[in-house]
N, C-alpha and C. Protein backbone atom coordinates (compact mmCIF):
# COMPACT_ATOMS: atom_id res chain seq x y z
N MET A 1 115.66 82.48 93.01
CA MET A 1 114.60 82.73 93.56
C MET A 1 114.60 83.96 94.42
N SER A 2 113.45 84.75 94.38
CA SER A 2 113.39 85.99 95.00
C SER A 2 112.97 85.85 96.61
N LYS A 3 113.34 86.79 97.26
CA LYS A 3 113.16 87.07 98.49
C LYS A 3 111.81 86.70 99.08
N THR A 4 110.91 87.16 98.23
CA THR A 4 109.37 87.16 98.52
C THR A 4 109.26 85.51 98.58
N GLU A 5 109.73 84.80 97.69
CA GLU A 5 109.74 83.21 97.54
C GLU A 5 110.28 82.74 98.79
N ASP A 6 111.40 83.32 99.15
CA ASP A 6 112.16 82.75 100.40
C ASP A 6 111.69 82.83 101.62
N PHE A 7 110.76 83.85 101.58
CA PHE A 7 110.22 84.35 103.26
C PHE A 7 109.79 83.25 103.89
N LEU A 8 108.96 82.34 103.39
CA LEU A 8 108.36 81.06 103.91
C LEU A 8 108.39 80.07 103.05
N THR A 9 108.89 78.86 103.95
CA THR A 9 109.11 77.80 102.94
C THR A 9 107.43 77.25 102.67
N ALA A 10 107.46 75.87 101.95
CA ALA A 10 105.98 75.71 101.35
C ALA A 10 105.28 74.97 102.88
N GLU A 11 106.25 74.19 103.87
CA GLU A 11 105.52 73.84 105.18
C GLU A 11 105.03 74.89 105.77
N GLU A 12 105.94 75.84 106.07
CA GLU A 12 105.58 77.32 106.75
C GLU A 12 104.42 77.90 106.18
N GLU A 13 104.43 78.11 104.71
CA GLU A 13 103.10 78.70 104.12
C GLU A 13 101.73 78.05 104.53
N ARG A 14 102.07 76.36 104.57
CA ARG A 14 100.93 75.39 104.88
C ARG A 14 100.47 75.87 106.33
N GLN A 15 101.24 76.02 107.08
CA GLN A 15 101.14 76.32 108.68
C GLN A 15 100.61 77.81 108.84
N VAL A 16 100.97 78.60 108.27
CA VAL A 16 99.92 80.17 108.00
C VAL A 16 98.66 79.79 107.70
N VAL A 17 98.40 79.16 106.48
CA VAL A 17 96.99 78.97 106.16
C VAL A 17 96.25 78.34 106.83
N GLU A 18 96.85 77.33 107.86
CA GLU A 18 96.06 76.61 108.67
C GLU A 18 95.77 77.35 109.87
N ALA A 19 96.62 78.17 110.21
CA ALA A 19 96.50 79.65 111.32
C ALA A 19 95.09 80.23 110.93
N ILE A 20 95.33 80.62 109.66
CA ILE A 20 93.99 81.40 109.14
C ILE A 20 92.75 80.61 109.33
N ARG A 21 92.84 79.46 109.00
CA ARG A 21 91.79 78.10 109.07
C ARG A 21 91.29 78.22 110.54
N THR A 22 92.25 78.02 111.37
CA THR A 22 91.92 78.19 112.96
C THR A 22 91.22 79.44 113.61
N ALA A 23 91.91 80.55 112.87
CA ALA A 23 91.65 81.67 113.58
C ALA A 23 89.99 82.15 113.10
N GLU A 24 89.71 81.37 111.88
CA GLU A 24 88.33 81.85 111.13
C GLU A 24 87.12 80.81 111.60
N LYS A 25 87.74 80.04 112.21
CA LYS A 25 86.71 78.91 112.35
C LYS A 25 85.53 79.02 113.38
N ASN A 26 85.88 80.09 114.41
CA ASN A 26 84.69 80.33 115.19
C ASN A 26 84.41 81.69 115.30
N THR A 27 84.46 82.55 113.95
CA THR A 27 84.39 83.80 113.60
C THR A 27 83.75 83.96 112.52
N SER A 28 83.03 84.97 111.66
CA SER A 28 82.40 85.27 110.45
C SER A 28 83.60 86.29 109.76
N GLY A 29 84.58 86.79 110.49
CA GLY A 29 85.57 87.50 110.20
C GLY A 29 86.35 86.93 109.14
N GLU A 30 87.46 87.54 108.41
CA GLU A 30 88.14 87.02 107.36
C GLU A 30 89.59 87.62 107.37
N ILE A 31 90.55 86.80 107.45
CA ILE A 31 92.04 87.23 107.54
C ILE A 31 92.90 86.77 106.34
N ARG A 32 93.53 87.71 105.68
CA ARG A 32 94.62 87.13 104.69
C ARG A 32 95.69 87.75 105.01
N VAL A 33 96.86 86.98 104.40
CA VAL A 33 98.19 87.58 104.18
C VAL A 33 98.72 87.90 102.79
N HIS A 34 99.37 88.80 102.87
CA HIS A 34 99.62 89.24 101.41
C HIS A 34 101.08 89.58 101.34
N LEU A 35 102.30 88.93 100.60
CA LEU A 35 103.47 89.38 100.73
C LEU A 35 103.99 89.74 99.49
N GLU A 36 104.36 90.72 99.43
CA GLU A 36 105.27 91.39 98.15
C GLU A 36 106.70 91.49 98.39
N LYS A 37 107.58 91.87 97.29
CA LYS A 37 108.74 91.92 97.28
C LYS A 37 109.09 93.56 98.25
N THR A 38 108.40 94.49 97.39
CA THR A 38 108.85 95.70 97.77
C THR A 38 107.34 96.63 97.94
N SER A 39 107.27 97.66 98.42
CA SER A 39 106.07 98.67 98.37
C SER A 39 106.72 99.94 97.61
N LYS A 40 106.41 100.11 96.37
CA LYS A 40 106.79 101.48 95.74
C LYS A 40 106.40 102.69 96.09
N ILE A 41 105.29 102.48 97.21
CA ILE A 41 104.60 103.57 97.94
C ILE A 41 104.42 103.65 99.09
N ASP A 42 103.94 104.47 99.96
CA ASP A 42 103.88 104.22 101.37
C ASP A 42 103.42 102.92 101.64
N VAL A 43 103.90 102.27 102.62
CA VAL A 43 103.47 100.93 102.91
C VAL A 43 102.04 100.67 103.34
N TYR A 44 101.75 101.91 104.16
CA TYR A 44 100.37 102.11 104.43
C TYR A 44 99.47 102.21 103.42
N GLU A 45 99.54 103.04 102.54
CA GLU A 45 98.90 103.28 101.35
C GLU A 45 98.71 101.95 100.46
N ARG A 46 100.01 101.36 100.28
CA ARG A 46 99.70 100.12 99.51
C ARG A 46 99.11 98.91 100.37
N ALA A 47 99.08 98.70 101.19
CA ALA A 47 98.31 97.74 102.15
C ALA A 47 96.95 98.21 102.04
N LEU A 48 96.28 99.55 101.90
CA LEU A 48 95.00 99.73 101.50
C LEU A 48 94.59 99.38 100.38
N GLU A 49 95.49 99.57 99.30
CA GLU A 49 95.40 99.09 97.78
C GLU A 49 95.23 97.68 97.73
N VAL A 50 96.13 96.85 98.46
CA VAL A 50 96.06 95.52 98.28
C VAL A 50 94.54 95.13 99.03
N PHE A 51 94.32 95.61 100.03
CA PHE A 51 93.05 95.21 100.90
C PHE A 51 91.78 95.05 99.98
N HIS A 52 91.72 96.35 98.93
CA HIS A 52 90.77 96.62 98.07
C HIS A 52 91.03 95.74 96.83
N MET A 53 92.30 95.43 96.52
CA MET A 53 92.40 94.47 95.36
C MET A 53 91.96 93.09 95.81
N LEU A 54 92.16 92.76 96.81
CA LEU A 54 91.71 91.58 97.11
C LEU A 54 90.34 91.21 97.68
N LYS A 55 89.56 92.51 97.41
CA LYS A 55 88.18 92.57 97.72
C LYS A 55 87.93 92.22 99.30
N MET A 56 88.86 92.59 100.14
CA MET A 56 88.79 92.48 101.56
C MET A 56 87.71 93.49 102.15
N ASP A 57 87.41 94.47 101.49
CA ASP A 57 86.32 95.66 101.71
C ASP A 57 84.86 94.97 101.56
N ASN A 58 84.57 93.82 101.09
CA ASN A 58 83.48 93.42 100.42
C ASN A 58 82.63 92.51 101.47
N THR A 59 83.16 92.31 102.67
CA THR A 59 82.87 91.27 103.50
C THR A 59 81.60 92.00 104.04
N LYS A 60 80.55 91.12 104.54
CA LYS A 60 79.14 91.53 105.09
C LYS A 60 79.01 92.36 106.19
N LEU A 61 80.15 92.23 107.19
CA LEU A 61 80.14 92.80 108.41
C LEU A 61 81.59 93.87 108.59
N GLN A 62 82.12 93.96 107.43
CA GLN A 62 83.28 94.80 107.49
C GLN A 62 84.45 94.26 108.52
N ASN A 63 84.66 93.15 108.51
CA ASN A 63 85.42 92.34 109.67
C ASN A 63 86.86 91.70 108.95
N GLY A 64 87.24 92.24 107.78
CA GLY A 64 88.27 91.55 107.27
C GLY A 64 89.61 92.19 107.74
N VAL A 65 90.63 91.52 107.87
CA VAL A 65 91.81 91.85 108.31
C VAL A 65 92.87 91.28 107.23
N LEU A 66 93.78 92.46 106.85
CA LEU A 66 94.92 91.77 106.11
C LEU A 66 96.30 92.32 106.68
N ILE A 67 97.18 91.16 106.68
CA ILE A 67 98.52 91.28 107.15
C ILE A 67 99.23 91.54 105.76
N TYR A 68 99.76 92.59 105.50
CA TYR A 68 100.75 92.95 104.52
C TYR A 68 102.08 92.85 104.94
N VAL A 69 102.84 92.35 104.04
CA VAL A 69 104.22 92.24 104.27
C VAL A 69 105.12 92.70 102.84
N ALA A 70 105.97 93.51 103.06
CA ALA A 70 106.73 94.09 102.20
C ALA A 70 108.14 93.38 102.45
N VAL A 71 108.68 92.48 102.16
CA VAL A 71 109.35 91.59 102.42
C VAL A 71 110.98 92.20 102.39
N GLU A 72 111.22 92.66 101.08
CA GLU A 72 112.85 93.27 101.12
C GLU A 72 112.75 94.75 101.92
N ASP A 73 111.61 95.51 102.08
CA ASP A 73 111.36 96.43 102.66
C ASP A 73 111.57 96.16 104.33
N LYS A 74 111.61 94.91 104.63
CA LYS A 74 111.60 94.80 106.06
C LYS A 74 110.42 95.46 106.83
N THR A 75 109.23 95.62 106.24
CA THR A 75 108.00 96.24 106.98
C THR A 75 106.69 95.47 106.73
N PHE A 76 105.94 95.63 107.53
CA PHE A 76 104.42 95.27 107.50
C PHE A 76 103.50 95.98 107.84
N VAL A 77 102.09 96.05 107.71
CA VAL A 77 100.85 96.49 108.00
C VAL A 77 99.93 95.57 108.43
N ILE A 78 99.26 95.98 109.44
CA ILE A 78 98.13 95.13 109.80
C ILE A 78 96.63 95.85 109.50
N PHE A 79 95.99 95.85 108.68
CA PHE A 79 95.11 96.56 108.25
C PHE A 79 93.82 95.75 108.45
N GLY A 80 93.02 96.49 109.50
CA GLY A 80 91.64 96.05 109.74
C GLY A 80 90.73 96.70 108.90
N ASP A 81 89.52 96.38 108.73
CA ASP A 81 88.39 97.05 108.07
C ASP A 81 87.41 97.95 109.06
N GLU A 82 86.65 98.52 108.75
CA GLU A 82 85.92 99.56 109.72
C GLU A 82 85.23 98.76 111.00
N GLY A 83 84.40 97.59 110.37
CA GLY A 83 83.83 96.83 111.63
C GLY A 83 84.68 96.38 112.51
N ILE A 84 85.58 95.91 112.29
CA ILE A 84 86.44 95.34 113.45
C ILE A 84 87.43 96.49 114.13
N ASN A 85 87.73 97.64 113.54
CA ASN A 85 88.28 98.71 113.96
C ASN A 85 87.55 99.34 114.91
N ASN A 86 86.30 99.45 114.78
CA ASN A 86 85.27 99.91 115.66
C ASN A 86 85.00 99.37 116.87
N VAL A 87 85.78 98.17 116.97
CA VAL A 87 85.29 97.30 118.43
C VAL A 87 86.59 96.70 118.84
N VAL A 88 87.67 96.92 118.55
CA VAL A 88 88.79 96.46 119.50
C VAL A 88 89.50 97.74 120.00
N GLU A 89 90.07 97.36 121.07
CA GLU A 89 90.85 98.56 121.95
C GLU A 89 91.74 99.42 120.95
N ASP A 90 91.84 100.70 121.52
CA ASP A 90 92.79 101.23 120.53
C ASP A 90 94.17 100.95 120.27
N ASP A 91 94.61 100.21 121.13
CA ASP A 91 96.16 99.89 121.03
C ASP A 91 96.10 98.32 120.46
N PHE A 92 95.10 97.76 119.98
CA PHE A 92 95.10 96.32 119.72
C PHE A 92 96.04 96.18 118.51
N TRP A 93 95.83 97.03 117.46
CA TRP A 93 96.83 96.53 116.48
C TRP A 93 98.10 96.72 116.76
N GLU A 94 98.54 97.75 117.16
CA GLU A 94 99.79 98.05 117.64
C GLU A 94 100.50 96.82 118.33
N SER A 95 99.81 96.35 119.48
CA SER A 95 100.22 95.51 120.28
C SER A 95 100.23 94.18 119.44
N THR A 96 99.40 94.09 118.70
CA THR A 96 99.47 92.60 117.81
C THR A 96 100.71 92.81 116.87
N LYS A 97 101.27 93.91 116.44
CA LYS A 97 102.15 94.25 115.37
C LYS A 97 103.68 94.25 116.16
N ASN A 98 103.52 94.70 117.26
CA ASN A 98 104.77 94.28 118.42
C ASN A 98 105.15 92.82 118.39
N ILE A 99 104.14 91.86 118.95
CA ILE A 99 104.23 90.57 119.11
C ILE A 99 104.92 90.08 117.68
N MET A 100 104.38 90.23 116.48
CA MET A 100 104.86 89.88 115.36
C MET A 100 106.33 90.45 114.99
N GLN A 101 106.53 91.66 115.23
CA GLN A 101 107.83 92.44 115.15
C GLN A 101 108.73 91.81 116.08
N GLY A 102 108.33 91.25 117.28
CA GLY A 102 109.50 90.48 118.13
C GLY A 102 110.17 89.41 117.30
N HIS A 103 109.07 88.49 116.62
CA HIS A 103 109.44 87.29 115.88
C HIS A 103 110.18 87.51 114.75
N PHE A 104 109.49 88.67 114.02
CA PHE A 104 110.19 88.86 112.72
C PHE A 104 111.88 89.43 112.94
N LYS A 105 112.04 90.11 113.95
CA LYS A 105 113.36 90.48 114.39
C LYS A 105 114.36 89.30 114.87
N ARG A 106 113.91 88.06 114.91
CA ARG A 106 114.71 86.99 115.20
C ARG A 106 114.70 86.09 113.90
N GLY A 107 113.90 86.72 112.72
CA GLY A 107 113.90 85.68 111.85
C GLY A 107 112.90 84.64 111.71
N HIS A 108 112.14 84.70 112.80
CA HIS A 108 111.04 83.78 113.03
C HIS A 108 109.68 84.27 112.30
N PHE A 109 109.54 84.41 110.89
CA PHE A 109 108.48 84.98 110.05
C PHE A 109 107.31 84.18 110.19
N LYS A 110 107.34 82.85 110.01
CA LYS A 110 106.04 82.05 110.06
C LYS A 110 105.48 82.25 111.57
N GLN A 111 106.55 82.12 112.57
CA GLN A 111 105.86 82.05 113.85
C GLN A 111 105.24 83.57 114.17
N GLY A 112 105.72 84.71 113.74
CA GLY A 112 105.26 86.09 113.78
C GLY A 112 103.82 86.22 113.02
N LEU A 113 103.62 85.76 111.84
CA LEU A 113 102.57 85.42 111.29
C LEU A 113 101.40 84.79 111.97
N VAL A 114 101.65 83.69 112.32
CA VAL A 114 100.63 82.84 113.09
C VAL A 114 100.23 83.46 114.26
N ASP A 115 101.09 83.96 115.24
CA ASP A 115 100.65 84.65 116.13
C ASP A 115 99.70 85.72 115.84
N GLY A 116 100.24 86.54 115.10
CA GLY A 116 99.35 87.75 114.77
C GLY A 116 98.14 87.27 114.01
N ILE A 117 98.14 86.36 113.43
CA ILE A 117 96.86 85.84 113.00
C ILE A 117 95.78 85.25 113.88
N LEU A 118 96.44 84.26 114.93
CA LEU A 118 95.77 83.73 115.96
C LEU A 118 95.13 84.86 116.81
N LYS A 119 95.97 85.91 117.29
CA LYS A 119 95.60 87.29 117.98
C LYS A 119 94.40 87.83 117.52
N ALA A 120 94.60 88.30 115.99
CA ALA A 120 93.37 89.03 115.49
C ALA A 120 92.04 87.93 115.57
N GLY A 121 92.38 86.79 115.27
CA GLY A 121 91.17 85.63 115.20
C GLY A 121 90.37 85.71 116.59
N LYS A 122 91.43 85.93 117.71
CA LYS A 122 90.34 85.66 119.11
C LYS A 122 89.67 86.97 118.97
N GLN A 123 90.12 88.17 118.43
CA GLN A 123 89.32 89.41 118.58
C GLN A 123 87.99 89.54 117.73
N LEU A 124 88.24 88.61 116.43
CA LEU A 124 86.92 88.53 115.60
C LEU A 124 86.11 87.52 116.20
N GLU A 125 86.67 86.69 116.97
CA GLU A 125 85.52 85.76 117.42
C GLU A 125 84.87 86.28 118.51
N VAL A 126 85.44 87.44 119.36
CA VAL A 126 84.89 87.76 120.69
C VAL A 126 83.82 88.70 119.86
N HIS A 127 83.91 89.63 118.97
CA HIS A 127 83.21 90.72 118.38
C HIS A 127 82.41 90.16 117.21
N PHE A 128 82.69 89.09 116.42
CA PHE A 128 81.98 88.69 115.16
C PHE A 128 81.85 87.15 115.41
N PRO A 129 81.32 86.35 116.53
CA PRO A 129 81.18 84.97 116.46
C PRO A 129 80.32 84.35 115.29
N TRP A 130 80.74 83.10 115.03
CA TRP A 130 80.46 82.35 113.81
C TRP A 130 79.09 82.11 113.79
N GLU A 131 78.14 82.15 112.92
CA GLU A 131 76.69 81.88 113.10
C GLU A 131 76.68 81.04 112.21
N VAL A 132 75.37 80.13 111.99
CA VAL A 132 75.19 79.15 111.38
C VAL A 132 75.19 79.60 109.62
N ASP A 133 74.50 80.35 109.26
CA ASP A 133 74.65 81.14 107.69
C ASP A 133 75.80 81.72 107.22
N ASP A 134 77.00 81.79 108.24
CA ASP A 134 78.28 82.20 107.85
C ASP A 134 79.21 81.64 106.81
N LYS A 135 79.68 82.04 105.81
CA LYS A 135 80.27 81.37 104.67
C LYS A 135 81.85 82.27 104.73
N ASN A 136 82.85 81.34 104.02
CA ASN A 136 84.16 81.90 104.13
C ASN A 136 84.28 82.81 102.68
N GLU A 137 84.20 84.00 103.09
CA GLU A 137 83.70 84.97 102.02
C GLU A 137 85.45 85.32 101.07
N ILE A 138 86.44 85.06 101.65
CA ILE A 138 87.72 85.22 101.04
C ILE A 138 88.77 83.84 101.44
N SER A 139 89.52 83.85 100.24
CA SER A 139 90.28 82.72 100.27
C SER A 139 91.36 82.71 101.38
N ASP A 140 91.56 81.65 102.11
CA ASP A 140 92.60 81.94 103.17
C ASP A 140 93.99 81.75 102.59
N ASP A 141 94.34 81.39 101.41
CA ASP A 141 95.60 81.21 100.66
C ASP A 141 96.35 82.74 101.07
N ILE A 142 97.54 82.22 100.81
CA ILE A 142 98.41 83.59 101.04
C ILE A 142 98.74 84.00 99.68
N SER A 143 98.47 85.45 99.50
CA SER A 143 98.36 85.91 98.17
C SER A 143 100.17 86.78 98.04
N VAL A 144 100.66 86.63 96.59
CA VAL A 144 101.64 87.05 96.68
C VAL A 144 101.52 88.08 95.32
N GLY A 145 102.43 89.30 95.54
CA GLY A 145 102.15 90.30 94.20
C GLY A 145 103.36 90.78 94.01
């Protein structure tokens, strides 16, 4: 089994997906987690590639958020689309990353992801509240590459 598969147990994966569903419940925003073994290029550039690959740039209000984790590299990126980036505080993503990193350093990967997802969800809810005609545009499942 690879480190990517060992990063989260099946139960922890279920809890992360549930956090995504909770975070998206009151917003039109979309959150996705992507795990892969390593990034062969700059991690930010790879997160951007994955963002496009997962079609997260196709959301109606440009309010997709990707949490990209390169497991063996022990690095991650939170990538928000233009719509959400234009409305959050300048230090929002850095403060979210710091919360997650604190958990990751202690080996609490699931909790780091859950806290980051829920924090992003609160901002999405404020700036992109759920409306009657909203639909889930992006799968809530964790993608693995």
